[in-house]
Amino acid sequence: MNRNPLIPFALVAVLGIGLMFLLSFKGLGDMKELTGEGKEEEKTEDVANASPEEIFKQNCTSCHGQNLEGGVGPALAGTSLGEDKIKETVTNGKGSGMPAFQGTIPDDKIAELAKWITEQ
């Protein structure tokens, strides 16, 4: 008896295509969770309840260092910038390195953050 050599290849192809469709539909179902849609309200609420130090740790330490010593961004410890200049920079960003946080951090929290930075 001769076996047909195409049957195992056809079976693997059918199973592979079926698995591909199954995983595609699973991915569509998880799309909102993976992209973070619907969690912006939670993030805004967390920021609204956070202290200036917590906001700094979450958003600024990667560039300005944990102790405001600088790194990728300039050192902020003992800065001569006033609160108004810091608020403007945090709100609107500066150049290509400093992102704007307008809409991400509420204005009153930006003011608190600027005051906290000048006190350090």
PDB file of N, CA and C in Angstrom:
ATOM      1  N   MET A   1       0.817  -1.182   0.000  1.00  0.00           N
ATOM      2  CA  MET A   1       0.000   0.000   0.000  1.00  0.00           C
ATOM      3  C   MET A   1       0.862   1.248   0.000  1.00  0.00           C
ATOM      4  N   ASN A   2       0.501   2.179  -0.827  1.00  0.00           N
ATOM      5  CA  ASN A   2       1.210   3.451  -0.873  1.00  0.00           C
ATOM      6  C   ASN A   2       0.461   4.480  -0.045  1.00  0.00           C
ATOM      7  N   ARG A   3       1.227   5.195   0.749  1.00  0.00           N
ATOM      8  CA  ARG A   3       0.628   6.296   1.509  1.00  0.00           C
ATOM      9  C   ARG A   3       0.782   7.577   0.702  1.00  0.00           C
ATOM     10  N   ASN A   4      -0.173   8.446   0.879  1.00  0.00           N
ATOM     11  CA  ASN A   4      -0.114   9.730   0.193  1.00  0.00           C
ATOM     12  C   ASN A   4       0.755  10.678   1.031  1.00  0.00           C
ATOM     13  N   PRO A   5       1.898  11.154   0.520  1.00  0.00           N
ATOM     14  CA  PRO A   5       2.788  12.005   1.312  1.00  0.00           C
ATOM     15  C   PRO A   5       2.245  13.421   1.528  1.00  0.00           C
ATOM     16  N   LEU A   6       1.211  13.812   0.839  1.00  0.00           N
ATOM     17  CA  LEU A   6       0.673  15.156   0.997  1.00  0.00           C
ATOM     18  C   LEU A   6      -0.287  15.276   2.177  1.00  0.00           C
ATOM     19  N   ILE A   7      -0.815  14.196   2.682  1.00  0.00           N
ATOM     20  CA  ILE A   7      -1.794  14.242   3.772  1.00  0.00           C
ATOM     21  C   ILE A   7      -1.190  14.863   5.042  1.00  0.00           C
ATOM     22  N   PRO A   8      -0.011  14.459   5.517  1.00  0.00           N
ATOM     23  CA  PRO A   8       0.534  15.111   6.721  1.00  0.00           C
ATOM     24  C   PRO A   8       0.775  16.610   6.520  1.00  0.00           C
ATOM     25  N   PHE A   9       1.241  17.017   5.354  1.00  0.00           N
ATOM     26  CA  PHE A   9       1.478  18.431   5.088  1.00  0.00           C
ATOM     27  C   PHE A   9       0.161  19.204   5.056  1.00  0.00           C
ATOM     28  N   ALA A  10      -0.857  18.638   4.463  1.00  0.00           N
ATOM     29  CA  ALA A  10      -2.166  19.286   4.402  1.00  0.00           C
ATOM     30  C   ALA A  10      -2.762  19.408   5.795  1.00  0.00           C
ATOM     31  N   LEU A  11      -2.597  18.371   6.614  1.00  0.00           N
ATOM     32  CA  LEU A  11      -3.115  18.395   7.981  1.00  0.00           C
ATOM     33  C   LEU A  11      -2.423  19.486   8.805  1.00  0.00           C
ATOM     34  N   VAL A  12      -1.117  19.592   8.695  1.00  0.00           N
ATOM     35  CA  VAL A  12      -0.374  20.631   9.419  1.00  0.00           C
ATOM     36  C   VAL A  12      -0.807  22.014   8.926  1.00  0.00           C
ATOM     37  N   ALA A  13      -0.993  22.180   7.624  1.00  0.00           N
ATOM     38  CA  ALA A  13      -1.412  23.469   7.076  1.00  0.00           C
ATOM     39  C   ALA A  13      -2.791  23.859   7.589  1.00  0.00           C
ATOM     40  N   VAL A  14      -3.736  22.926   7.599  1.00  0.00           N
ATOM     41  CA  VAL A  14      -5.094  23.211   8.080  1.00  0.00           C
ATOM     42  C   VAL A  14      -5.070  23.563   9.557  1.00  0.00           C
ATOM     43  N   LEU A  15      -4.323  22.806  10.362  1.00  0.00           N
ATOM     44  CA  LEU A  15      -4.229  23.106  11.793  1.00  0.00           C
ATOM     45  C   LEU A  15      -3.552  24.462  12.022  1.00  0.00           C
ATOM     46  N   GLY A  16      -2.523  24.765  11.255  1.00  0.00           N
ATOM     47  CA  GLY A  16      -1.830  26.039  11.397  1.00  0.00           C
ATOM     48  C   GLY A  16      -2.713  27.221  11.059  1.00  0.00           C
ATOM     49  N   ILE A  17      -3.462  27.105   9.974  1.00  0.00           N
ATOM     50  CA  ILE A  17      -4.367  28.184   9.574  1.00  0.00           C
ATOM     51  C   ILE A  17      -5.475  28.356  10.607  1.00  0.00           C
ATOM     52  N   GLY A  18      -6.005  27.263  11.108  1.00  0.00           N
ATOM     53  CA  GLY A  18      -7.040  27.333  12.141  1.00  0.00           C
ATOM     54  C   GLY A  18      -6.524  27.992  13.410  1.00  0.00           C
ATOM     55  N   LEU A  19      -5.315  27.639  13.819  1.00  0.00           N
ATOM     56  CA  LEU A  19      -4.712  28.233  15.007  1.00  0.00           C
ATOM     57  C   LEU A  19      -4.454  29.725  14.797  1.00  0.00           C
ATOM     58  N   MET A  20      -4.062  30.107  13.600  1.00  0.00           N
ATOM     59  CA  MET A  20      -3.822  31.508  13.285  1.00  0.00           C
ATOM     60  C   MET A  20      -5.116  32.321  13.419  1.00  0.00           C
ATOM     61  N   PHE A  21      -6.214  31.807  12.910  1.00  0.00           N
ATOM     62  CA  PHE A  21      -7.495  32.505  13.041  1.00  0.00           C
ATOM     63  C   PHE A  21      -7.931  32.579  14.506  1.00  0.00           C
ATOM     64  N   LEU A  22      -7.764  31.492  15.239  1.00  0.00           N
ATOM     65  CA  LEU A  22      -8.144  31.475  16.653  1.00  0.00           C
ATOM     66  C   LEU A  22      -7.362  32.529  17.431  1.00  0.00           C
ATOM     67  N   LEU A  23      -6.059  32.598  17.237  1.00  0.00           N
ATOM     68  CA  LEU A  23      -5.242  33.575  17.948  1.00  0.00           C
ATOM     69  C   LEU A  23      -5.542  35.004  17.496  1.00  0.00           C
ATOM     70  N   SER A  24      -5.926  35.187  16.249  1.00  0.00           N
ATOM     71  CA  SER A  24      -6.297  36.520  15.774  1.00  0.00           C
ATOM     72  C   SER A  24      -7.545  37.012  16.482  1.00  0.00           C
ATOM     73  N   PHE A  25      -8.534  36.166  16.609  1.00  0.00           N
ATOM     74  CA  PHE A  25      -9.756  36.564  17.306  1.00  0.00           C
ATOM     75  C   PHE A  25      -9.497  36.791  18.782  1.00  0.00           C
ATOM     76  N   LYS A  26      -8.636  36.006  19.376  1.00  0.00           N
ATOM     77  CA  LYS A  26      -8.259  36.201  20.781  1.00  0.00           C
ATOM     78  C   LYS A  26      -7.581  37.558  20.935  1.00  0.00           C
ATOM     79  N   GLY A  27      -6.696  37.906  20.010  1.00  0.00           N
ATOM     80  CA  GLY A  27      -6.011  39.201  20.051  1.00  0.00           C
ATOM     81  C   GLY A  27      -6.962  40.363  19.899  1.00  0.00           C
ATOM     82  N   LEU A  28      -7.965  40.225  19.045  1.00  0.00           N
ATOM     83  CA  LEU A  28      -8.966  41.279  18.891  1.00  0.00           C
ATOM     84  C   LEU A  28      -9.722  41.502  20.191  1.00  0.00           C
ATOM     85  N   GLY A  29      -9.999  40.426  20.899  1.00  0.00           N
ATOM     86  CA  GLY A  29     -10.708  40.537  22.171  1.00  0.00           C
ATOM     87  C   GLY A  29      -9.865  41.219  23.240  1.00  0.00           C
ATOM     88  N   ASP A  30      -8.554  41.033  23.185  1.00  0.00           N
ATOM     89  CA  ASP A  30      -7.663  41.605  24.194  1.00  0.00           C
ATOM     90  C   ASP A  30      -7.096  42.961  23.781  1.00  0.00           C
ATOM     91  N   MET A  31      -7.508  43.482  22.642  1.00  0.00           N
ATOM     92  CA  MET A  31      -6.917  44.703  22.103  1.00  0.00           C
ATOM     93  C   MET A  31      -7.044  45.879  23.068  1.00  0.00           C
ATOM     94  N   LYS A  32      -8.201  46.099  23.645  1.00  0.00           N
ATOM     95  CA  LYS A  32      -8.388  47.232  24.551  1.00  0.00           C
ATOM     96  C   LYS A  32      -7.492  47.110  25.764  1.00  0.00           C
ATOM     97  N   GLU A  33      -7.367  45.915  26.292  1.00  0.00           N
ATOM     98  CA  GLU A  33      -6.515  45.710  27.463  1.00  0.00           C
ATOM     99  C   GLU A  33      -5.047  45.954  27.121  1.00  0.00           C
ATOM    100  N   LEU A  34      -4.616  45.480  25.970  1.00  0.00           N
ATOM    101  CA  LEU A  34      -3.218  45.617  25.577  1.00  0.00           C
ATOM    102  C   LEU A  34      -2.837  47.050  25.243  1.00  0.00           C
ATOM    103  N   THR A  35      -3.741  47.812  24.675  1.00  0.00           N
ATOM    104  CA  THR A  35      -3.433  49.187  24.308  1.00  0.00           C
ATOM    105  C   THR A  35      -3.671  50.159  25.453  1.00  0.00           C
ATOM    106  N   GLY A  36      -4.300  49.705  26.525  1.00  0.00           N
ATOM    107  CA  GLY A  36      -4.529  50.576  27.673  1.00  0.00           C
ATOM    108  C   GLY A  36      -5.725  51.481  27.509  1.00  0.00           C
ATOM    109  N   GLU A  37      -6.579  51.210  26.540  1.00  0.00           N
ATOM    110  CA  GLU A  37      -7.770  52.031  26.345  1.00  0.00           C
ATOM    111  C   GLU A  37      -8.683  51.885  27.552  1.00  0.00           C
ATOM    112  N   GLY A  38      -9.281  52.996  27.951  1.00  0.00           N
ATOM    113  CA  GLY A  38     -10.205  52.976  29.070  1.00  0.00           C
ATOM    114  C   GLY A  38      -9.521  53.125  30.415  1.00  0.00           C
ATOM    115  N   LYS A  39      -8.207  53.152  30.436  1.00  0.00           N
ATOM    116  CA  LYS A  39      -7.497  53.285  31.704  1.00  0.00           C
ATOM    117  C   LYS A  39      -6.986  54.696  31.923  1.00  0.00           C
ATOM    118  N   GLU A  40      -7.250  55.600  30.974  1.00  0.00           N
ATOM    119  CA  GLU A  40      -6.785  56.970  31.110  1.00  0.00           C
ATOM    120  C   GLU A  40      -7.452  57.653  32.293  1.00  0.00           C
ATOM    121  N   GLU A  41      -8.725  57.346  32.554  1.00  0.00           N
ATOM    122  CA  GLU A  41      -9.410  57.933  33.689  1.00  0.00           C
ATOM    123  C   GLU A  41      -8.751  57.501  34.992  1.00  0.00           C
ATOM    124  N   GLU A  42      -8.356  56.220  35.074  1.00  0.00           N
ATOM    125  CA  GLU A  42      -7.688  55.726  36.268  1.00  0.00           C
ATOM    126  C   GLU A  42      -6.349  56.421  36.461  1.00  0.00           C
ATOM    127  N   LYS A  43      -5.586  56.602  35.375  1.00  0.00           N
ATOM    128  CA  LYS A  43      -4.286  57.260  35.457  1.00  0.00           C
ATOM    129  C   LYS A  43      -4.453  58.699  35.921  1.00  0.00           C
ATOM    130  N   THR A  44      -5.441  59.418  35.365  1.00  0.00           N
ATOM    131  CA  THR A  44      -5.673  60.806  35.745  1.00  0.00           C
ATOM    132  C   THR A  44      -6.075  60.900  37.204  1.00  0.00           C
ATOM    133  N   GLU A  45      -6.885  59.953  37.654  1.00  0.00           N
ATOM    134  CA  GLU A  45      -7.311  59.942  39.051  1.00  0.00           C
ATOM    135  C   GLU A  45      -6.125  59.661  39.970  1.00  0.00           C
ATOM    136  N   ASP A  46      -5.231  58.747  39.574  1.00  0.00           N
ATOM    137  CA  ASP A  46      -4.045  58.449  40.369  1.00  0.00           C
ATOM    138  C   ASP A  46      -3.156  59.677  40.476  1.00  0.00           C
ATOM    139  N   VAL A  47      -2.981  60.398  39.373  1.00  0.00           N
ATOM    140  CA  VAL A  47      -2.145  61.597  39.374  1.00  0.00           C
ATOM    141  C   VAL A  47      -2.789  62.687  40.226  1.00  0.00           C
ATOM    142  N   ALA A  48      -4.106  62.796  40.183  1.00  0.00           N
ATOM    143  CA  ALA A  48      -4.802  63.820  40.956  1.00  0.00           C
ATOM    144  C   ALA A  48      -4.637  63.600  42.456  1.00  0.00           C
ATOM    145  N   ASN A  49      -4.426  62.370  42.876  1.00  0.00           N
ATOM    146  CA  ASN A  49      -4.268  62.064  44.298  1.00  0.00           C
ATOM    147  C   ASN A  49      -2.812  61.936  44.723  1.00  0.00           C
ATOM    148  N   ALA A  50      -1.875  62.074  43.791  1.00  0.00           N
ATOM    149  CA  ALA A  50      -0.460  61.861  44.088  1.00  0.00           C
ATOM    150  C   ALA A  50       0.190  63.125  44.627  1.00  0.00           C
ATOM    151  N   SER A  51       1.239  62.927  45.427  1.00  0.00           N
ATOM    152  CA  SER A  51       2.023  64.054  45.925  1.00  0.00           C
ATOM    153  C   SER A  51       2.998  64.491  44.838  1.00  0.00           C
ATOM    154  N   PRO A  52       3.545  65.708  44.934  1.00  0.00           N
ATOM    155  CA  PRO A  52       4.519  66.156  43.933  1.00  0.00           C
ATOM    156  C   PRO A  52       5.730  65.220  43.825  1.00  0.00           C
ATOM    157  N   GLU A  53       6.163  64.680  44.949  1.00  0.00           N
ATOM    158  CA  GLU A  53       7.298  63.762  44.928  1.00  0.00           C
ATOM    159  C   GLU A  53       6.965  62.485  44.159  1.00  0.00           C
ATOM    160  N   GLU A  54       5.748  61.967  44.347  1.00  0.00           N
ATOM    161  CA  GLU A  54       5.318  60.773  43.610  1.00  0.00           C
ATOM    162  C   GLU A  54       5.211  61.060  42.118  1.00  0.00           C
ATOM    163  N   ILE A  55       4.685  62.225  41.755  1.00  0.00           N
ATOM    164  CA  ILE A  55       4.583  62.601  40.351  1.00  0.00           C
ATOM    165  C   ILE A  55       5.972  62.687  39.739  1.00  0.00           C
ATOM    166  N   PHE A  56       6.919  63.280  40.476  1.00  0.00           N
ATOM    167  CA  PHE A  56       8.292  63.382  39.987  1.00  0.00           C
ATOM    168  C   PHE A  56       8.887  61.991  39.778  1.00  0.00           C
ATOM    169  N   LYS A  57       8.687  61.089  40.743  1.00  0.00           N
ATOM    170  CA  LYS A  57       9.242  59.739  40.623  1.00  0.00           C
ATOM    171  C   LYS A  57       8.654  59.000  39.425  1.00  0.00           C
ATOM    172  N   GLN A  58       7.368  59.181  39.157  1.00  0.00           N
ATOM    173  CA  GLN A  58       6.708  58.475  38.065  1.00  0.00           C
ATOM    174  C   GLN A  58       7.080  59.027  36.694  1.00  0.00           C
ATOM    175  N   ASN A  59       7.324  60.336  36.595  1.00  0.00           N
ATOM    176  CA  ASN A  59       7.470  60.956  35.283  1.00  0.00           C
ATOM    177  C   ASN A  59       8.841  61.551  34.979  1.00  0.00           C
ATOM    178  N   CYS A  60       9.619  61.859  35.997  1.00  0.00           N
ATOM    179  CA  CYS A  60      10.810  62.680  35.774  1.00  0.00           C
ATOM    180  C   CYS A  60      12.140  62.015  36.110  1.00  0.00           C
ATOM    181  N   THR A  61      12.134  61.005  36.992  1.00  0.00           N
ATOM    182  CA  THR A  61      13.404  60.445  37.460  1.00  0.00           C
ATOM    183  C   THR A  61      14.222  59.786  36.365  1.00  0.00           C
ATOM    184  N   SER A  62      13.578  59.284  35.334  1.00  0.00           N
ATOM    185  CA  SER A  62      14.339  58.623  34.273  1.00  0.00           C
ATOM    186  C   SER A  62      15.285  59.583  33.562  1.00  0.00           C
ATOM    187  N   CYS A  63      14.952  60.855  33.509  1.00  0.00           N
ATOM    188  CA  CYS A  63      15.825  61.839  32.855  1.00  0.00           C
ATOM    189  C   CYS A  63      16.574  62.731  33.846  1.00  0.00           C
ATOM    190  N   HIS A  64      15.924  63.096  34.940  1.00  0.00           N
ATOM    191  CA  HIS A  64      16.506  64.062  35.867  1.00  0.00           C
ATOM    192  C   HIS A  64      17.115  63.416  37.111  1.00  0.00           C
ATOM    193  N   GLY A  65      17.050  62.100  37.233  1.00  0.00           N
ATOM    194  CA  GLY A  65      17.648  61.390  38.359  1.00  0.00           C
ATOM    195  C   GLY A  65      16.771  61.391  39.589  1.00  0.00           C
ATOM    196  N   GLN A  66      16.978  60.406  40.464  1.00  0.00           N
ATOM    197  CA  GLN A  66      16.172  60.280  41.675  1.00  0.00           C
ATOM    198  C   GLN A  66      16.377  61.443  42.632  1.00  0.00           C
ATOM    199  N   ASN A  67      17.570  61.957  42.674  1.00  0.00           N
ATOM    200  CA  ASN A  67      17.880  63.045  43.590  1.00  0.00           C
ATOM    201  C   ASN A  67      18.007  64.383  42.866  1.00  0.00           C
ATOM    202  N   LEU A  68      17.379  64.493  41.708  1.00  0.00           N
ATOM    203  CA  LEU A  68      17.391  65.694  40.881  1.00  0.00           C
ATOM    204  C   LEU A  68      18.791  66.064  40.423  1.00  0.00           C
ATOM    205  N   GLU A  69      19.694  65.075  40.366  1.00  0.00           N
ATOM    206  CA  GLU A  69      21.092  65.327  40.015  1.00  0.00           C
ATOM    207  C   GLU A  69      21.326  65.416  38.516  1.00  0.00           C
ATOM    208  N   GLY A  70      20.340  65.098  37.734  1.00  0.00           N
ATOM    209  CA  GLY A  70      20.494  65.152  36.284  1.00  0.00           C
ATOM    210  C   GLY A  70      20.878  63.799  35.732  1.00  0.00           C
ATOM    211  N   GLY A  71      20.986  63.732  34.462  1.00  0.00           N
ATOM    212  CA  GLY A  71      21.294  62.497  33.742  1.00  0.00           C
ATOM    213  C   GLY A  71      21.143  62.837  32.273  1.00  0.00           C
ATOM    214  N   VAL A  72      20.112  62.297  31.661  1.00  0.00           N
ATOM    215  CA  VAL A  72      19.795  62.666  30.284  1.00  0.00           C
ATOM    216  C   VAL A  72      19.337  64.123  30.256  1.00  0.00           C
ATOM    217  N   GLY A  73      18.533  64.487  31.249  1.00  0.00           N
ATOM    218  CA  GLY A  73      18.072  65.870  31.380  1.00  0.00           C
ATOM    219  C   GLY A  73      18.963  66.630  32.351  1.00  0.00           C
ATOM    220  N   PRO A  74      18.773  67.940  32.450  1.00  0.00           N
ATOM    221  CA  PRO A  74      19.617  68.745  33.336  1.00  0.00           C
ATOM    222  C   PRO A  74      19.308  68.485  34.814  1.00  0.00           C
ATOM    223  N   ALA A  75      20.283  68.823  35.653  1.00  0.00           N
ATOM    224  CA  ALA A  75      20.102  68.713  37.103  1.00  0.00           C
ATOM    225  C   ALA A  75      19.080  69.756  37.551  1.00  0.00           C
ATOM    226  N   LEU A  76      18.201  69.357  38.450  1.00  0.00           N
ATOM    227  CA  LEU A  76      17.183  70.268  38.954  1.00  0.00           C
ATOM    228  C   LEU A  76      17.440  70.677  40.397  1.00  0.00           C
ATOM    229  N   ALA A  77      18.357  70.003  41.064  1.00  0.00           N
ATOM    230  CA  ALA A  77      18.678  70.345  42.447  1.00  0.00           C
ATOM    231  C   ALA A  77      19.353  71.711  42.467  1.00  0.00           C
ATOM    232  N   GLY A  78      18.811  72.618  43.257  1.00  0.00           N
ATOM    233  CA  GLY A  78      19.383  73.956  43.366  1.00  0.00           C
ATOM    234  C   GLY A  78      19.238  74.776  42.095  1.00  0.00           C
ATOM    235  N   THR A  79      18.209  74.493  41.315  1.00  0.00           N
ATOM    236  CA  THR A  79      18.018  75.205  40.053  1.00  0.00           C
ATOM    237  C   THR A  79      17.649  76.663  40.302  1.00  0.00           C
ATOM    238  N   SER A  80      18.078  77.524  39.389  1.00  0.00           N
ATOM    239  CA  SER A  80      17.758  78.943  39.498  1.00  0.00           C
ATOM    240  C   SER A  80      16.479  79.289  38.744  1.00  0.00           C
ATOM    241  N   LEU A  81      15.882  78.315  38.120  1.00  0.00           N
ATOM    242  CA  LEU A  81      14.620  78.548  37.422  1.00  0.00           C
ATOM    243  C   LEU A  81      13.526  78.832  38.443  1.00  0.00           C
ATOM    244  N   GLY A  82      12.654  79.735  38.119  1.00  0.00           N
ATOM    245  CA  GLY A  82      11.537  80.036  38.999  1.00  0.00           C
ATOM    246  C   GLY A  82      10.397  79.057  38.778  1.00  0.00           C
ATOM    247  N   GLU A  83       9.419  79.131  39.668  1.00  0.00           N
ATOM    248  CA  GLU A  83       8.251  78.244  39.562  1.00  0.00           C
ATOM    249  C   GLU A  83       7.531  78.421  38.235  1.00  0.00           C
ATOM    250  N   ASP A  84       7.403  79.665  37.776  1.00  0.00           N
ATOM    251  CA  ASP A  84       6.683  79.932  36.527  1.00  0.00           C
ATOM    252  C   ASP A  84       7.369  79.271  35.336  1.00  0.00           C
ATOM    253  N   LYS A  85       8.696  79.353  35.281  1.00  0.00           N
ATOM    254  CA  LYS A  85       9.447  78.753  34.169  1.00  0.00           C
ATOM    255  C   LYS A  85       9.332  77.229  34.218  1.00  0.00           C
ATOM    256  N   ILE A  86       9.380  76.656  35.417  1.00  0.00           N
ATOM    257  CA  ILE A  86       9.243  75.201  35.557  1.00  0.00           C
ATOM    258  C   ILE A  86       7.846  74.764  35.134  1.00  0.00           C
ATOM    259  N   LYS A  87       6.813  75.507  35.567  1.00  0.00           N
ATOM    260  CA  LYS A  87       5.436  75.179  35.170  1.00  0.00           C
ATOM    261  C   LYS A  87       5.285  75.227  33.658  1.00  0.00           C
ATOM    262  N   GLU A  88       5.855  76.252  33.030  1.00  0.00           N
ATOM    263  CA  GLU A  88       5.758  76.392  31.576  1.00  0.00           C
ATOM    264  C   GLU A  88       6.449  75.225  30.865  1.00  0.00           C
ATOM    265  N   THR A  89       7.629  74.846  31.361  1.00  0.00           N
ATOM    266  CA  THR A  89       8.382  73.759  30.736  1.00  0.00           C
ATOM    267  C   THR A  89       7.672  72.419  30.908  1.00  0.00           C
ATOM    268  N   VAL A  90       7.143  72.163  32.094  1.00  0.00           N
ATOM    269  CA  VAL A  90       6.438  70.895  32.338  1.00  0.00           C
ATOM    270  C   VAL A  90       5.151  70.845  31.513  1.00  0.00           C
ATOM    271  N   THR A  91       4.456  71.955  31.420  1.00  0.00           N
ATOM    272  CA  THR A  91       3.198  71.997  30.687  1.00  0.00           C
ATOM    273  C   THR A  91       3.403  71.849  29.180  1.00  0.00           C
ATOM    274  N   ASN A  92       4.341  72.616  28.606  1.00  0.00           N
ATOM    275  CA  ASN A  92       4.491  72.679  27.151  1.00  0.00           C
ATOM    276  C   ASN A  92       5.657  71.874  26.597  1.00  0.00           C
ATOM    277  N   GLY A  93       6.540  71.404  27.469  1.00  0.00           N
ATOM    278  CA  GLY A  93       7.725  70.692  26.999  1.00  0.00           C
ATOM    279  C   GLY A  93       8.775  71.676  26.520  1.00  0.00           C
ATOM    280  N   LYS A  94       9.929  71.127  26.137  1.00  0.00           N
ATOM    281  CA  LYS A  94      11.001  72.000  25.672  1.00  0.00           C
ATOM    282  C   LYS A  94      11.875  71.216  24.712  1.00  0.00           C
ATOM    283  N   GLY A  95      11.959  71.687  23.488  1.00  0.00           N
ATOM    284  CA  GLY A  95      12.781  71.016  22.497  1.00  0.00           C
ATOM    285  C   GLY A  95      12.284  69.603  22.221  1.00  0.00           C
ATOM    286  N   SER A  96      13.207  68.758  21.785  1.00  0.00           N
ATOM    287  CA  SER A  96      12.823  67.380  21.472  1.00  0.00           C
ATOM    288  C   SER A  96      13.019  66.449  22.652  1.00  0.00           C
ATOM    289  N   GLY A  97      13.688  66.909  23.714  1.00  0.00           N
ATOM    290  CA  GLY A  97      13.989  66.029  24.837  1.00  0.00           C
ATOM    291  C   GLY A  97      12.979  66.065  25.958  1.00  0.00           C
ATOM    292  N   MET A  98      12.374  67.210  26.191  1.00  0.00           N
ATOM    293  CA  MET A  98      11.440  67.363  27.302  1.00  0.00           C
ATOM    294  C   MET A  98      10.014  67.279  26.784  1.00  0.00           C
ATOM    295  N   PRO A  99       9.276  66.214  27.173  1.00  0.00           N
ATOM    296  CA  PRO A  99       7.896  66.084  26.694  1.00  0.00           C
ATOM    297  C   PRO A  99       6.955  67.037  27.420  1.00  0.00           C
ATOM    298  N   ALA A 100       5.854  67.353  26.791  1.00  0.00           N
ATOM    299  CA  ALA A 100       4.812  68.175  27.402  1.00  0.00           C
ATOM    300  C   ALA A 100       3.900  67.275  28.222  1.00  0.00           C
ATOM    301  N   PHE A 101       3.558  67.711  29.424  1.00  0.00           N
ATOM    302  CA  PHE A 101       2.682  66.925  30.284  1.00  0.00           C
ATOM    303  C   PHE A 101       1.302  67.546  30.420  1.00  0.00           C
ATOM    304  N   GLN A 102       0.983  68.524  29.566  1.00  0.00           N
ATOM    305  CA  GLN A 102      -0.341  69.134  29.595  1.00  0.00           C
ATOM    306  C   GLN A 102      -1.374  68.082  29.235  1.00  0.00           C
ATOM    307  N   GLY A 103      -2.384  67.929  30.049  1.00  0.00           N
ATOM    308  CA  GLY A 103      -3.401  66.917  29.825  1.00  0.00           C
ATOM    309  C   GLY A 103      -3.091  65.619  30.550  1.00  0.00           C
ATOM    310  N   THR A 104      -1.816  65.353  30.810  1.00  0.00           N
ATOM    311  CA  THR A 104      -1.425  64.152  31.547  1.00  0.00           C
ATOM    312  C   THR A 104      -1.429  64.429  33.044  1.00  0.00           C
ATOM    313  N   ILE A 105      -0.913  65.587  33.410  1.00  0.00           N
ATOM    314  CA  ILE A 105      -0.874  66.010  34.811  1.00  0.00           C
ATOM    315  C   ILE A 105      -1.760  67.249  34.929  1.00  0.00           C
ATOM    316  N   PRO A 106      -2.694  67.260  35.897  1.00  0.00           N
ATOM    317  CA  PRO A 106      -3.557  68.441  36.060  1.00  0.00           C
ATOM    318  C   PRO A 106      -2.731  69.694  36.375  1.00  0.00           C
ATOM    319  N   ASP A 107      -3.259  70.864  35.999  1.00  0.00           N
ATOM    320  CA  ASP A 107      -2.542  72.127  36.178  1.00  0.00           C
ATOM    321  C   ASP A 107      -2.192  72.403  37.630  1.00  0.00           C
ATOM    322  N   ASP A 108      -3.103  72.093  38.558  1.00  0.00           N
ATOM    323  CA  ASP A 108      -2.805  72.356  39.964  1.00  0.00           C
ATOM    324  C   ASP A 108      -1.661  71.460  40.461  1.00  0.00           C
ATOM    325  N   LYS A 109      -1.570  70.241  39.934  1.00  0.00           N
ATOM    326  CA  LYS A 109      -0.474  69.346  40.316  1.00  0.00           C
ATOM    327  C   LYS A 109       0.844  69.794  39.688  1.00  0.00           C
ATOM    328  N   ILE A 110       0.783  70.392  38.490  1.00  0.00           N
ATOM    329  CA  ILE A 110       1.986  70.942  37.876  1.00  0.00           C
ATOM    330  C   ILE A 110       2.519  72.083  38.729  1.00  0.00           C
ATOM    331  N   ALA A 111       1.615  72.917  39.253  1.00  0.00           N
ATOM    332  CA  ALA A 111       2.028  74.023  40.124  1.00  0.00           C
ATOM    333  C   ALA A 111       2.673  73.494  41.405  1.00  0.00           C
ATOM    334  N   GLU A 112       2.071  72.448  41.991  1.00  0.00           N
ATOM    335  CA  GLU A 112       2.646  71.839  43.195  1.00  0.00           C
ATOM    336  C   GLU A 112       4.017  71.233  42.901  1.00  0.00           C
ATOM    337  N   LEU A 113       4.145  70.579  41.747  1.00  0.00           N
ATOM    338  CA  LEU A 113       5.412  69.976  41.346  1.00  0.00           C
ATOM    339  C   LEU A 113       6.483  71.048  41.164  1.00  0.00           C
ATOM    340  N   ALA A 114       6.134  72.154  40.524  1.00  0.00           N
ATOM    341  CA  ALA A 114       7.092  73.242  40.320  1.00  0.00           C
ATOM    342  C   ALA A 114       7.558  73.808  41.658  1.00  0.00           C
ATOM    343  N   LYS A 115       6.634  73.978  42.576  1.00  0.00           N
ATOM    344  CA  LYS A 115       6.990  74.491  43.906  1.00  0.00           C
ATOM    345  C   LYS A 115       7.906  73.496  44.614  1.00  0.00           C
ATOM    346  N   TRP A 116       7.589  72.222  44.519  1.00  0.00           N
ATOM    347  CA  TRP A 116       8.401  71.189  45.179  1.00  0.00           C
ATOM    348  C   TRP A 116       9.823  71.165  44.612  1.00  0.00           C
ATOM    349  N   ILE A 117       9.951  71.291  43.282  1.00  0.00           N
ATOM    350  CA  ILE A 117      11.272  71.282  42.643  1.00  0.00           C
ATOM    351  C   ILE A 117      12.093  72.476  43.102  1.00  0.00           C
ATOM    352  N   THR A 118      11.488  73.658  43.186  1.00  0.00           N
ATOM    353  CA  THR A 118      12.253  74.833  43.608  1.00  0.00           C
ATOM    354  C   THR A 118      12.675  74.748  45.065  1.00  0.00           C
ATOM    355  N   GLU A 119      11.943  73.999  45.879  1.00  0.00           N
ATOM    356  CA  GLU A 119      12.303  73.840  47.291  1.00  0.00           C
ATOM    357  C   GLU A 119      13.420  72.825  47.518  1.00  0.00           C
ATOM    358  N   GLN A 120      13.748  72.044  46.521  1.00  0.00           N
ATOM    359  CA  GLN A 120      14.772  71.004  46.685  1.00  0.00           C
ATOM    360  C   GLN A 120      16.169  71.576  46.582  1.00  0.00           C
TER     361      GLN A 120
END
